[in-house]
Amino acid sequence: MKLQWNIFIAFFRVGILGYGGGPSSIPLVHKEVVDKYKWMSDEEFGDLLALGNTLPGPIATKLAGYIGYRVSGVLGMLNAVLATTLPTIFLMILLLSSLSSIKGYDWVQGMTAAVIPVVGVMLAVLTWQFIQKAGKGMGWLSTIIMLIAVFILLEILHLHPGILIGALLILAIIKKDGKKEEAALSERDGDSS
């Protein structure tokens, strides 16, 4: 029962504080799942995020669904998705019914504008953590080359991120299978000597 409560609270916080949608939710999910509850490692979260971005739909609910399922099965999945979506549903009803009457006030516009830098910093911190992880795993030269190539593909050539992530996943699978074949061949050659 405590596990279900922890799942609910973790994803309820994401749902209530994820102002700005998916991008702002990702660092919050990371904080809860990796740092606070330690349900997965940084590497596992990065892999999950990459896979989640290749699928259609909101990232927060995809992350919640998978993590909830991984931690506590179907009940955990339902709990996490419900905890992620309930705050948004209630806040949307509340805000939309009252926003039309107060949207002209300067403090409302200022509040909205003030959240943008906070979300930007949260995303920058998460991005830097992923870059450091890539630098340690692939080496810094490969990481820098890949960052430049990805920037060109996404920002200059306007390639859809899902296509790029899908292509990189396919390349990783092919490369992994190639290493297995090489290991099998060298093992077989070692046995025949």
C-alpha atoms as a PDB file:
ATOM      1  CA  MET A   1       0.000   0.000   0.000  1.00  0.00           C
ATOM      2  CA  LYS A   2       2.886   2.373   0.790  1.00  0.00           C
ATOM      3  CA  LEU A   3       4.375   1.707  -2.649  1.00  0.00           C
ATOM      4  CA  GLN A   4       1.079   2.675  -4.335  1.00  0.00           C
ATOM      5  CA  TRP A   5       0.957   5.839  -2.240  1.00  0.00           C
ATOM      6  CA  ASN A   6       4.553   6.703  -3.222  1.00  0.00           C
ATOM      7  CA  ILE A   7       3.738   6.134  -6.899  1.00  0.00           C
ATOM      8  CA  PHE A   8       0.658   8.338  -6.611  1.00  0.00           C
ATOM      9  CA  ILE A   9       2.473  11.148  -4.776  1.00  0.00           C
ATOM     10  CA  ALA A  10       5.471  11.072  -7.134  1.00  0.00           C
ATOM     11  CA  PHE A  11       3.358  11.387 -10.266  1.00  0.00           C
ATOM     12  CA  PHE A  12       0.810  13.713  -8.664  1.00  0.00           C
ATOM     13  CA  ARG A  13       3.669  16.146  -8.008  1.00  0.00           C
ATOM     14  CA  VAL A  14       4.692  15.825 -11.640  1.00  0.00           C
ATOM     15  CA  GLY A  15       1.114  16.443 -12.754  1.00  0.00           C
ATOM     16  CA  ILE A  16       0.578  19.437 -10.483  1.00  0.00           C
ATOM     17  CA  LEU A  17       3.998  21.081 -11.008  1.00  0.00           C
ATOM     18  CA  GLY A  18       4.616  20.201 -14.674  1.00  0.00           C
ATOM     19  CA  TYR A  19       3.633  23.665 -15.837  1.00  0.00           C
ATOM     20  CA  GLY A  20       4.128  23.934 -19.574  1.00  0.00           C
ATOM     21  CA  GLY A  21       3.501  20.332 -20.532  1.00  0.00           C
ATOM     22  CA  GLY A  22       5.819  17.485 -21.414  1.00  0.00           C
ATOM     23  CA  PRO A  23       9.193  19.241 -21.551  1.00  0.00           C
ATOM     24  CA  SER A  24       8.773  20.683 -18.074  1.00  0.00           C
ATOM     25  CA  SER A  25       7.529  17.342 -16.745  1.00  0.00           C
ATOM     26  CA  ILE A  26      10.602  15.372 -17.799  1.00  0.00           C
ATOM     27  CA  PRO A  27      12.991  16.853 -15.193  1.00  0.00           C
ATOM     28  CA  LEU A  28      10.283  16.470 -12.540  1.00  0.00           C
ATOM     29  CA  VAL A  29       9.782  12.784 -13.400  1.00  0.00           C
ATOM     30  CA  HIS A  30      13.557  12.332 -13.336  1.00  0.00           C
ATOM     31  CA  LYS A  31      13.795  13.959  -9.903  1.00  0.00           C
ATOM     32  CA  GLU A  32      11.075  11.705  -8.455  1.00  0.00           C
ATOM     33  CA  VAL A  33      11.955   8.424 -10.160  1.00  0.00           C
ATOM     34  CA  VAL A  34      15.764   8.535 -10.220  1.00  0.00           C
ATOM     35  CA  ASP A  35      16.777  10.859  -7.390  1.00  0.00           C
ATOM     36  CA  LYS A  36      14.056  10.502  -4.762  1.00  0.00           C
ATOM     37  CA  TYR A  37      12.621   6.971  -5.029  1.00  0.00           C
ATOM     38  CA  LYS A  38      15.475   5.356  -7.011  1.00  0.00           C
ATOM     39  CA  TRP A  39      13.107   3.235  -9.085  1.00  0.00           C
ATOM     40  CA  MET A  40      15.537   3.405 -12.014  1.00  0.00           C
ATOM     41  CA  SER A  41      19.030   4.619 -12.853  1.00  0.00           C
ATOM     42  CA  ASP A  42      19.989   7.658 -14.934  1.00  0.00           C
ATOM     43  CA  GLU A  43      20.868   5.346 -17.809  1.00  0.00           C
ATOM     44  CA  GLU A  44      17.532   3.526 -17.686  1.00  0.00           C
ATOM     45  CA  PHE A  45      15.677   6.839 -17.524  1.00  0.00           C
ATOM     46  CA  GLY A  46      17.595   8.136 -20.536  1.00  0.00           C
ATOM     47  CA  ASP A  47      16.759   5.003 -22.511  1.00  0.00           C
ATOM     48  CA  LEU A  48      13.100   5.249 -21.485  1.00  0.00           C
ATOM     49  CA  LEU A  49      12.981   8.913 -22.484  1.00  0.00           C
ATOM     50  CA  ALA A  50      14.499   8.162 -25.880  1.00  0.00           C
ATOM     51  CA  LEU A  51      12.014   5.367 -26.531  1.00  0.00           C
ATOM     52  CA  GLY A  52       9.101   7.389 -25.183  1.00  0.00           C
ATOM     53  CA  ASN A  53       9.877  10.242 -27.555  1.00  0.00           C
ATOM     54  CA  THR A  54       9.584   7.924 -30.554  1.00  0.00           C
ATOM     55  CA  LEU A  55       5.983   7.079 -29.667  1.00  0.00           C
ATOM     56  CA  PRO A  56       2.943   9.304 -30.193  1.00  0.00           C
ATOM     57  CA  GLY A  57       1.200  11.020 -27.303  1.00  0.00           C
ATOM     58  CA  PRO A  58       2.157  13.065 -24.254  1.00  0.00           C
ATOM     59  CA  ILE A  59       5.509  12.119 -22.746  1.00  0.00           C
ATOM     60  CA  ALA A  60       4.394  12.536 -19.113  1.00  0.00           C
ATOM     61  CA  THR A  61       1.698   9.876 -19.371  1.00  0.00           C
ATOM     62  CA  LYS A  62       3.955   7.508 -21.310  1.00  0.00           C
ATOM     63  CA  LEU A  63       6.651   7.810 -18.662  1.00  0.00           C
ATOM     64  CA  ALA A  64       4.111   7.451 -15.853  1.00  0.00           C
ATOM     65  CA  GLY A  65       2.520   4.399 -17.438  1.00  0.00           C
ATOM     66  CA  TYR A  66       5.760   2.541 -17.992  1.00  0.00           C
ATOM     67  CA  ILE A  67       7.382   3.458 -14.687  1.00  0.00           C
ATOM     68  CA  GLY A  68       4.202   2.655 -12.738  1.00  0.00           C
ATOM     69  CA  TYR A  69       3.991  -0.716 -14.502  1.00  0.00           C
ATOM     70  CA  ARG A  70       7.650  -1.477 -13.896  1.00  0.00           C
ATOM     71  CA  VAL A  71       7.451  -0.596 -10.208  1.00  0.00           C
ATOM     72  CA  SER A  72       4.100  -2.192  -9.378  1.00  0.00           C
ATOM     73  CA  GLY A  73       2.465  -3.874 -12.354  1.00  0.00           C
ATOM     74  CA  VAL A  74      -0.895  -2.936 -13.838  1.00  0.00           C
ATOM     75  CA  LEU A  75      -2.143  -1.309 -10.624  1.00  0.00           C
ATOM     76  CA  GLY A  76       0.997   0.845 -10.465  1.00  0.00           C
ATOM     77  CA  MET A  77       0.531   1.823 -14.106  1.00  0.00           C
ATOM     78  CA  LEU A  78      -3.083   2.889 -13.576  1.00  0.00           C
ATOM     79  CA  ASN A  79      -2.160   4.698 -10.381  1.00  0.00           C
ATOM     80  CA  ALA A  80       0.707   6.631 -12.009  1.00  0.00           C
ATOM     81  CA  VAL A  81      -1.284   7.627 -15.100  1.00  0.00           C
ATOM     82  CA  LEU A  82      -4.235   8.721 -12.957  1.00  0.00           C
ATOM     83  CA  ALA A  83      -1.954  10.725 -10.650  1.00  0.00           C
ATOM     84  CA  THR A  84      -0.351  12.426 -13.655  1.00  0.00           C
ATOM     85  CA  THR A  85      -3.587  13.344 -15.410  1.00  0.00           C
ATOM     86  CA  LEU A  86      -5.941  14.210 -12.537  1.00  0.00           C
ATOM     87  CA  PRO A  87      -4.267  17.500 -11.584  1.00  0.00           C
ATOM     88  CA  THR A  88      -4.318  18.635 -15.211  1.00  0.00           C
ATOM     89  CA  ILE A  89      -7.990  17.805 -15.621  1.00  0.00           C
ATOM     90  CA  PHE A  90      -9.025  19.681 -12.496  1.00  0.00           C
ATOM     91  CA  LEU A  91      -6.707  22.630 -13.116  1.00  0.00           C
ATOM     92  CA  MET A  92      -7.870  22.974 -16.717  1.00  0.00           C
ATOM     93  CA  ILE A  93     -11.501  23.101 -15.623  1.00  0.00           C
ATOM     94  CA  LEU A  94     -10.693  25.592 -12.864  1.00  0.00           C
ATOM     95  CA  LEU A  95      -8.356  27.774 -14.911  1.00  0.00           C
ATOM     96  CA  LEU A  96     -10.391  27.882 -18.080  1.00  0.00           C
ATOM     97  CA  SER A  97     -13.517  28.813 -16.189  1.00  0.00           C
ATOM     98  CA  SER A  98     -11.742  31.663 -14.372  1.00  0.00           C
ATOM     99  CA  LEU A  99      -9.023  32.693 -16.857  1.00  0.00           C
ATOM    100  CA  SER A 100     -11.349  34.437 -19.259  1.00  0.00           C
ATOM    101  CA  SER A 101     -12.272  36.917 -16.538  1.00  0.00           C
ATOM    102  CA  ILE A 102      -8.688  37.678 -15.363  1.00  0.00           C
ATOM    103  CA  LYS A 103      -6.455  37.151 -18.410  1.00  0.00           C
ATOM    104  CA  GLY A 104      -6.090  40.888 -18.996  1.00  0.00           C
ATOM    105  CA  TYR A 105      -4.410  41.546 -15.650  1.00  0.00           C
ATOM    106  CA  ASP A 106      -0.680  42.233 -15.730  1.00  0.00           C
ATOM    107  CA  TRP A 107       0.066  39.854 -12.851  1.00  0.00           C
ATOM    108  CA  VAL A 108      -1.448  36.921 -14.789  1.00  0.00           C
ATOM    109  CA  GLN A 109       0.672  37.690 -17.838  1.00  0.00           C
ATOM    110  CA  GLY A 110       3.721  38.189 -15.600  1.00  0.00           C
ATOM    111  CA  MET A 111       3.132  34.866 -13.848  1.00  0.00           C
ATOM    112  CA  THR A 112       3.004  33.058 -17.170  1.00  0.00           C
ATOM    113  CA  ALA A 113       6.143  34.811 -18.418  1.00  0.00           C
ATOM    114  CA  ALA A 114       8.034  34.082 -15.172  1.00  0.00           C
ATOM    115  CA  VAL A 115       7.582  30.327 -15.494  1.00  0.00           C
ATOM    116  CA  ILE A 116       9.347  30.138 -18.862  1.00  0.00           C
ATOM    117  CA  PRO A 117      12.907  30.752 -17.542  1.00  0.00           C
ATOM    118  CA  VAL A 118      12.386  28.216 -14.742  1.00  0.00           C
ATOM    119  CA  VAL A 119      11.360  25.532 -17.240  1.00  0.00           C
ATOM    120  CA  GLY A 120      14.305  26.526 -19.455  1.00  0.00           C
ATOM    121  CA  VAL A 121      16.803  26.080 -16.621  1.00  0.00           C
ATOM    122  CA  MET A 122      15.283  22.724 -15.629  1.00  0.00           C
ATOM    123  CA  LEU A 123      15.615  21.497 -19.219  1.00  0.00           C
ATOM    124  CA  ALA A 124      19.169  22.860 -19.489  1.00  0.00           C
ATOM    125  CA  VAL A 125      20.237  20.992 -16.335  1.00  0.00           C
ATOM    126  CA  LEU A 126      18.709  17.739 -17.594  1.00  0.00           C
ATOM    127  CA  THR A 127      20.320  18.274 -21.011  1.00  0.00           C
ATOM    128  CA  TRP A 128      23.737  18.824 -19.425  1.00  0.00           C
ATOM    129  CA  GLN A 129      23.321  15.625 -17.387  1.00  0.00           C
ATOM    130  CA  PHE A 130      22.544  13.679 -20.563  1.00  0.00           C
ATOM    131  CA  ILE A 131      25.528  15.233 -22.367  1.00  0.00           C
ATOM    132  CA  GLN A 132      27.840  14.263 -19.482  1.00  0.00           C
ATOM    133  CA  LYS A 133      26.451  10.730 -19.532  1.00  0.00           C
ATOM    134  CA  ALA A 134      27.003  10.508 -23.295  1.00  0.00           C
ATOM    135  CA  GLY A 135      30.533  11.897 -22.909  1.00  0.00           C
ATOM    136  CA  LYS A 136      31.401   9.209 -20.381  1.00  0.00           C
ATOM    137  CA  GLY A 137      29.801   6.439 -22.438  1.00  0.00           C
ATOM    138  CA  MET A 138      30.794   7.360 -25.995  1.00  0.00           C
ATOM    139  CA  GLY A 139      33.764   9.611 -25.369  1.00  0.00           C
ATOM    140  CA  TRP A 140      33.763  13.408 -25.572  1.00  0.00           C
ATOM    141  CA  LEU A 141      34.844  13.682 -29.212  1.00  0.00           C
ATOM    142  CA  SER A 142      32.054  11.358 -30.393  1.00  0.00           C
ATOM    143  CA  THR A 143      29.563  13.180 -28.188  1.00  0.00           C
ATOM    144  CA  ILE A 144      30.512  16.610 -29.576  1.00  0.00           C
ATOM    145  CA  ILE A 145      30.377  15.339 -33.170  1.00  0.00           C
ATOM    146  CA  MET A 146      26.978  13.779 -32.508  1.00  0.00           C
ATOM    147  CA  LEU A 147      25.663  16.979 -30.861  1.00  0.00           C
ATOM    148  CA  ILE A 148      26.684  18.995 -33.920  1.00  0.00           C
ATOM    149  CA  ALA A 149      25.183  16.448 -36.326  1.00  0.00           C
ATOM    150  CA  VAL A 150      21.912  16.260 -34.368  1.00  0.00           C
ATOM    151  CA  PHE A 151      21.711  20.061 -34.208  1.00  0.00           C
ATOM    152  CA  ILE A 152      22.147  20.294 -37.984  1.00  0.00           C
ATOM    153  CA  LEU A 153      19.573  17.576 -38.646  1.00  0.00           C
ATOM    154  CA  LEU A 154      16.963  18.978 -36.261  1.00  0.00           C
ATOM    155  CA  GLU A 155      17.412  22.745 -36.517  1.00  0.00           C
ATOM    156  CA  ILE A 156      18.777  23.341 -40.014  1.00  0.00           C
ATOM    157  CA  LEU A 157      17.360  20.426 -42.016  1.00  0.00           C
ATOM    158  CA  HIS A 158      14.182  20.250 -39.863  1.00  0.00           C
ATOM    159  CA  LEU A 159      14.220  16.461 -39.544  1.00  0.00           C
ATOM    160  CA  HIS A 160      11.500  15.218 -37.203  1.00  0.00           C
ATOM    161  CA  PRO A 161      13.007  14.130 -33.823  1.00  0.00           C
ATOM    162  CA  GLY A 162      11.059  10.855 -33.889  1.00  0.00           C
ATOM    163  CA  ILE A 163      12.680   9.863 -37.182  1.00  0.00           C
ATOM    164  CA  LEU A 164      16.136  10.673 -35.839  1.00  0.00           C
ATOM    165  CA  ILE A 165      15.594   8.768 -32.586  1.00  0.00           C
ATOM    166  CA  GLY A 166      14.152   5.799 -34.477  1.00  0.00           C
ATOM    167  CA  ALA A 167      17.143   5.747 -36.849  1.00  0.00           C
ATOM    168  CA  LEU A 168      19.589   5.912 -33.936  1.00  0.00           C
ATOM    169  CA  LEU A 169      17.783   3.063 -32.160  1.00  0.00           C
ATOM    170  CA  ILE A 170      17.976   0.922 -35.298  1.00  0.00           C
ATOM    171  CA  LEU A 171      21.697   1.712 -35.679  1.00  0.00           C
ATOM    172  CA  ALA A 172      22.302   0.813 -32.039  1.00  0.00           C
ATOM    173  CA  ILE A 173      20.539  -2.538 -32.501  1.00  0.00           C
ATOM    174  CA  ILE A 174      22.504  -3.291 -35.667  1.00  0.00           C
ATOM    175  CA  LYS A 175      25.788  -2.314 -33.996  1.00  0.00           C
ATOM    176  CA  LYS A 176      24.973  -4.450 -30.940  1.00  0.00           C
ATOM    177  CA  ASP A 177      24.131  -7.465 -33.130  1.00  0.00           C
ATOM    178  CA  GLY A 178      27.370  -6.932 -35.082  1.00  0.00           C
ATOM    179  CA  LYS A 179      29.397  -7.036 -31.866  1.00  0.00           C
ATOM    180  CA  LYS A 180      27.656 -10.282 -30.838  1.00  0.00           C
ATOM    181  CA  GLU A 181      28.525 -11.853 -34.197  1.00  0.00           C
ATOM    182  CA  GLU A 182      32.161 -10.732 -33.901  1.00  0.00           C
ATOM    183  CA  ALA A 183      32.395 -12.186 -30.393  1.00  0.00           C
ATOM    184  CA  ALA A 184      30.860 -15.463 -31.564  1.00  0.00           C
ATOM    185  CA  LEU A 185      33.279 -15.671 -34.520  1.00  0.00           C
ATOM    186  CA  SER A 186      36.343 -14.947 -32.397  1.00  0.00           C
ATOM    187  CA  GLU A 187      35.175 -17.494 -29.794  1.00  0.00           C
ATOM    188  CA  ARG A 188      34.647 -20.102 -32.516  1.00  0.00           C
ATOM    189  CA  ASP A 189      38.077 -19.342 -34.039  1.00  0.00           C
ATOM    190  CA  GLY A 190      39.652 -19.671 -30.570  1.00  0.00           C
ATOM    191  CA  ASP A 191      38.033 -23.101 -30.059  1.00  0.00           C
ATOM    192  CA  SER A 192      39.216 -24.422 -33.441  1.00  0.00           C
ATOM    193  CA  SER A 193      42.876 -23.560 -32.757  1.00  0.00           C
END
